[in-house]
């Protein structure tokens, strides 16, 4: 079983799905975003958001890319 490491948190599910797709396009293997939860609730219950995780061996290279992508996607 592969151990995953969280590399970034995102607030919206749509951004999380785009992030997973973008990371895959760059050759990484991010964990799928689980369906479920309450529609419209987003990250309000956790305070951190949705975790984007990759295998531990990819985390060091994937994290800077994920942070740059998130900055581009959200403008923050």
N, C-alpha and C. Protein backbone atom coordinates (compact mmCIF):
# COMPACT_ATOMS: atom_id res chain seq x y z
N UNK A 1 0.84 -1.17 0.00
CA UNK A 1 0.00 0.00 0.00
C UNK A 1 0.89 1.24 0.00
N UNK A 2 0.53 2.20 -0.82
CA UNK A 2 1.31 3.42 -0.96
C UNK A 2 0.94 4.42 0.14
N UNK A 3 1.95 5.04 0.74
CA UNK A 3 1.70 6.09 1.72
C UNK A 3 1.64 7.42 0.97
N UNK A 4 0.63 8.21 1.29
CA UNK A 4 0.44 9.50 0.65
C UNK A 4 0.77 10.63 1.60
N UNK A 5 1.19 11.74 1.03
CA UNK A 5 1.50 12.94 1.80
C UNK A 5 0.69 14.10 1.23
N UNK A 6 0.05 14.87 2.11
CA UNK A 6 -0.69 16.04 1.67
C UNK A 6 0.29 17.13 1.28
N UNK A 7 0.10 17.69 0.09
CA UNK A 7 1.02 18.73 -0.39
C UNK A 7 0.38 20.11 -0.40
N UNK A 8 -0.95 20.17 -0.41
CA UNK A 8 -1.63 21.45 -0.42
C UNK A 8 -3.10 21.21 -0.07
N UNK A 9 -3.75 22.23 0.48
CA UNK A 9 -5.18 22.19 0.74
C UNK A 9 -5.86 23.22 -0.16
N UNK A 10 -7.04 22.87 -0.65
CA UNK A 10 -7.81 23.80 -1.48
C UNK A 10 -9.20 23.94 -0.89
N UNK A 11 -9.82 25.10 -1.12
CA UNK A 11 -11.12 25.38 -0.51
C UNK A 11 -12.29 24.79 -1.27
N UNK A 12 -12.20 24.75 -2.60
CA UNK A 12 -13.35 24.32 -3.40
C UNK A 12 -13.06 23.00 -4.10
N UNK A 13 -14.11 22.18 -4.21
CA UNK A 13 -13.99 20.88 -4.86
C UNK A 13 -13.60 21.03 -6.33
N UNK A 14 -14.13 22.04 -7.01
CA UNK A 14 -13.80 22.23 -8.43
C UNK A 14 -12.31 22.51 -8.61
N UNK A 15 -11.73 23.30 -7.71
CA UNK A 15 -10.29 23.58 -7.77
C UNK A 15 -9.50 22.31 -7.46
N UNK A 16 -9.98 21.52 -6.52
CA UNK A 16 -9.30 20.27 -6.17
C UNK A 16 -9.27 19.33 -7.37
N UNK A 17 -10.37 19.21 -8.08
CA UNK A 17 -10.42 18.32 -9.25
C UNK A 17 -9.49 18.81 -10.36
N UNK A 18 -9.44 20.12 -10.56
CA UNK A 18 -8.51 20.68 -11.54
C UNK A 18 -7.06 20.43 -11.13
N UNK A 19 -6.78 20.56 -9.85
CA UNK A 19 -5.43 20.34 -9.34
C UNK A 19 -4.99 18.89 -9.58
N UNK A 20 -5.88 17.94 -9.30
CA UNK A 20 -5.56 16.52 -9.53
C UNK A 20 -5.27 16.29 -11.01
N UNK A 21 -6.09 16.86 -11.89
CA UNK A 21 -5.88 16.70 -13.33
C UNK A 21 -4.56 17.32 -13.77
N UNK A 22 -4.26 18.50 -13.28
CA UNK A 22 -3.01 19.19 -13.64
C UNK A 22 -1.79 18.41 -13.14
N UNK A 23 -1.86 17.90 -11.94
CA UNK A 23 -0.73 17.12 -11.41
C UNK A 23 -0.52 15.84 -12.22
N UNK A 24 -1.61 15.20 -12.62
CA UNK A 24 -1.49 14.01 -13.48
C UNK A 24 -0.85 14.36 -14.82
N UNK A 25 -1.24 15.51 -15.37
CA UNK A 25 -0.69 15.94 -16.66
C UNK A 25 0.82 16.16 -16.57
N UNK A 26 1.31 16.46 -15.37
CA UNK A 26 2.74 16.66 -15.15
C UNK A 26 3.45 15.38 -14.69
N UNK A 27 2.75 14.25 -14.73
CA UNK A 27 3.38 12.97 -14.44
C UNK A 27 3.29 12.50 -13.00
N UNK A 28 2.55 13.21 -12.15
CA UNK A 28 2.41 12.80 -10.75
C UNK A 28 1.18 11.91 -10.60
N UNK A 29 1.05 11.27 -9.44
CA UNK A 29 -0.04 10.32 -9.19
C UNK A 29 -0.86 10.74 -7.97
N UNK A 30 -1.59 11.86 -8.06
CA UNK A 30 -2.35 12.31 -6.89
C UNK A 30 -3.50 11.37 -6.57
N UNK A 31 -3.87 11.36 -5.30
CA UNK A 31 -5.01 10.56 -4.84
C UNK A 31 -6.29 11.20 -5.37
N UNK A 32 -7.25 10.37 -5.71
CA UNK A 32 -8.55 10.86 -6.18
C UNK A 32 -9.25 11.65 -5.08
N UNK A 33 -10.03 12.63 -5.48
CA UNK A 33 -10.86 13.38 -4.54
C UNK A 33 -12.10 12.54 -4.28
N UNK A 34 -12.36 12.22 -3.04
CA UNK A 34 -13.51 11.37 -2.70
C UNK A 34 -14.81 12.13 -2.89
N UNK A 35 -15.77 11.46 -3.50
CA UNK A 35 -17.11 12.03 -3.60
C UNK A 35 -17.79 11.89 -2.26
N UNK A 36 -18.70 12.79 -2.00
CA UNK A 36 -19.45 12.70 -0.76
C UNK A 36 -19.43 14.01 -0.02
N UNK A 37 -19.89 13.97 1.20
CA UNK A 37 -19.99 15.19 1.98
C UNK A 37 -21.30 15.91 1.69
N UNK A 38 -21.38 17.12 2.12
CA UNK A 38 -22.58 17.90 1.94
C UNK A 38 -22.38 18.93 0.83
N UNK A 39 -23.27 18.97 -0.15
CA UNK A 39 -23.14 19.95 -1.23
C UNK A 39 -23.12 21.37 -0.68
N UNK A 40 -22.18 22.16 -1.19
CA UNK A 40 -22.11 23.56 -0.79
C UNK A 40 -21.40 23.84 0.51
N UNK A 41 -21.02 22.80 1.24
CA UNK A 41 -20.35 23.01 2.53
C UNK A 41 -18.88 23.32 2.34
N UNK A 42 -18.22 22.66 1.39
CA UNK A 42 -16.81 22.92 1.12
C UNK A 42 -15.94 22.62 2.31
N UNK A 43 -15.06 23.56 2.64
CA UNK A 43 -14.08 23.33 3.70
C UNK A 43 -14.49 23.89 5.04
N UNK A 44 -15.73 24.32 5.16
CA UNK A 44 -16.16 24.98 6.39
C UNK A 44 -16.04 24.09 7.62
N UNK A 45 -16.26 22.80 7.45
CA UNK A 45 -16.23 21.90 8.60
C UNK A 45 -14.82 21.54 9.04
N UNK A 46 -13.89 21.47 8.11
CA UNK A 46 -12.53 21.06 8.46
C UNK A 46 -11.62 22.24 8.78
N UNK A 47 -11.91 23.38 8.20
CA UNK A 47 -11.08 24.55 8.43
C UNK A 47 -9.85 24.61 7.54
N UNK A 48 -9.44 23.49 6.97
CA UNK A 48 -8.25 23.46 6.13
C UNK A 48 -8.60 23.38 4.65
N UNK A 49 -9.66 22.70 4.33
CA UNK A 49 -10.04 22.50 2.95
C UNK A 49 -9.85 21.05 2.54
N UNK A 50 -9.89 20.82 1.24
CA UNK A 50 -9.71 19.48 0.70
C UNK A 50 -8.22 19.22 0.50
N UNK A 51 -7.77 18.09 1.00
CA UNK A 51 -6.35 17.75 0.91
C UNK A 51 -6.02 17.19 -0.46
N UNK A 52 -4.95 17.69 -1.05
CA UNK A 52 -4.40 17.14 -2.27
C UNK A 52 -3.16 16.35 -1.84
N UNK A 53 -3.19 15.05 -2.10
CA UNK A 53 -2.11 14.18 -1.63
C UNK A 53 -1.51 13.38 -2.79
N UNK A 54 -0.22 13.17 -2.70
CA UNK A 54 0.52 12.36 -3.69
C UNK A 54 1.35 11.34 -2.92
N UNK A 55 1.82 10.28 -3.61
CA UNK A 55 2.71 9.34 -2.93
C UNK A 55 3.92 10.07 -2.33
N UNK A 56 4.38 9.59 -1.19
CA UNK A 56 5.48 10.26 -0.49
C UNK A 56 6.69 10.50 -1.37
N UNK A 57 6.99 9.58 -2.26
CA UNK A 57 8.15 9.71 -3.14
C UNK A 57 8.02 10.84 -4.16
N UNK A 58 6.80 11.32 -4.40
CA UNK A 58 6.56 12.40 -5.35
C UNK A 58 6.37 13.76 -4.68
N UNK A 59 6.16 13.75 -3.39
CA UNK A 59 5.74 14.96 -2.68
C UNK A 59 6.74 16.12 -2.81
N UNK A 60 8.00 15.83 -2.72
CA UNK A 60 9.02 16.89 -2.76
C UNK A 60 8.98 17.67 -4.08
N UNK A 61 8.76 16.98 -5.18
CA UNK A 61 8.71 17.64 -6.48
C UNK A 61 7.32 18.18 -6.80
N UNK A 62 6.28 17.52 -6.31
CA UNK A 62 4.91 17.93 -6.63
C UNK A 62 4.46 19.16 -5.85
N UNK A 63 4.94 19.34 -4.63
CA UNK A 63 4.46 20.44 -3.80
C UNK A 63 4.71 21.82 -4.39
N UNK A 64 5.92 22.15 -4.86
CA UNK A 64 6.11 23.48 -5.45
C UNK A 64 5.22 23.72 -6.67
N UNK A 65 5.01 22.68 -7.48
CA UNK A 65 4.13 22.80 -8.63
C UNK A 65 2.69 23.05 -8.17
N UNK A 66 2.23 22.29 -7.20
CA UNK A 66 0.86 22.44 -6.69
C UNK A 66 0.65 23.84 -6.10
N UNK A 67 1.62 24.34 -5.38
CA UNK A 67 1.51 25.68 -4.79
C UNK A 67 1.44 26.74 -5.89
N UNK A 68 2.25 26.59 -6.93
CA UNK A 68 2.23 27.55 -8.04
C UNK A 68 0.91 27.48 -8.80
N UNK A 69 0.42 26.26 -9.03
CA UNK A 69 -0.87 26.09 -9.71
C UNK A 69 -2.00 26.70 -8.90
N UNK A 70 -1.98 26.47 -7.59
CA UNK A 70 -3.02 27.01 -6.72
C UNK A 70 -3.00 28.53 -6.75
N UNK A 71 -1.83 29.11 -6.74
CA UNK A 71 -1.70 30.57 -6.80
C UNK A 71 -2.30 31.09 -8.11
N UNK A 72 -2.00 30.41 -9.23
CA UNK A 72 -2.56 30.80 -10.52
C UNK A 72 -4.08 30.64 -10.55
N UNK A 73 -4.58 29.56 -9.97
CA UNK A 73 -6.02 29.26 -10.01
C UNK A 73 -6.84 30.20 -9.14
N UNK A 74 -6.29 30.58 -8.00
CA UNK A 74 -7.08 31.37 -7.05
C UNK A 74 -6.68 32.85 -7.01
N UNK A 75 -5.55 33.16 -7.60
CA UNK A 75 -5.09 34.55 -7.58
C UNK A 75 -4.55 34.98 -6.23
N UNK A 76 -4.22 34.02 -5.36
CA UNK A 76 -3.67 34.34 -4.03
C UNK A 76 -2.23 33.92 -3.93
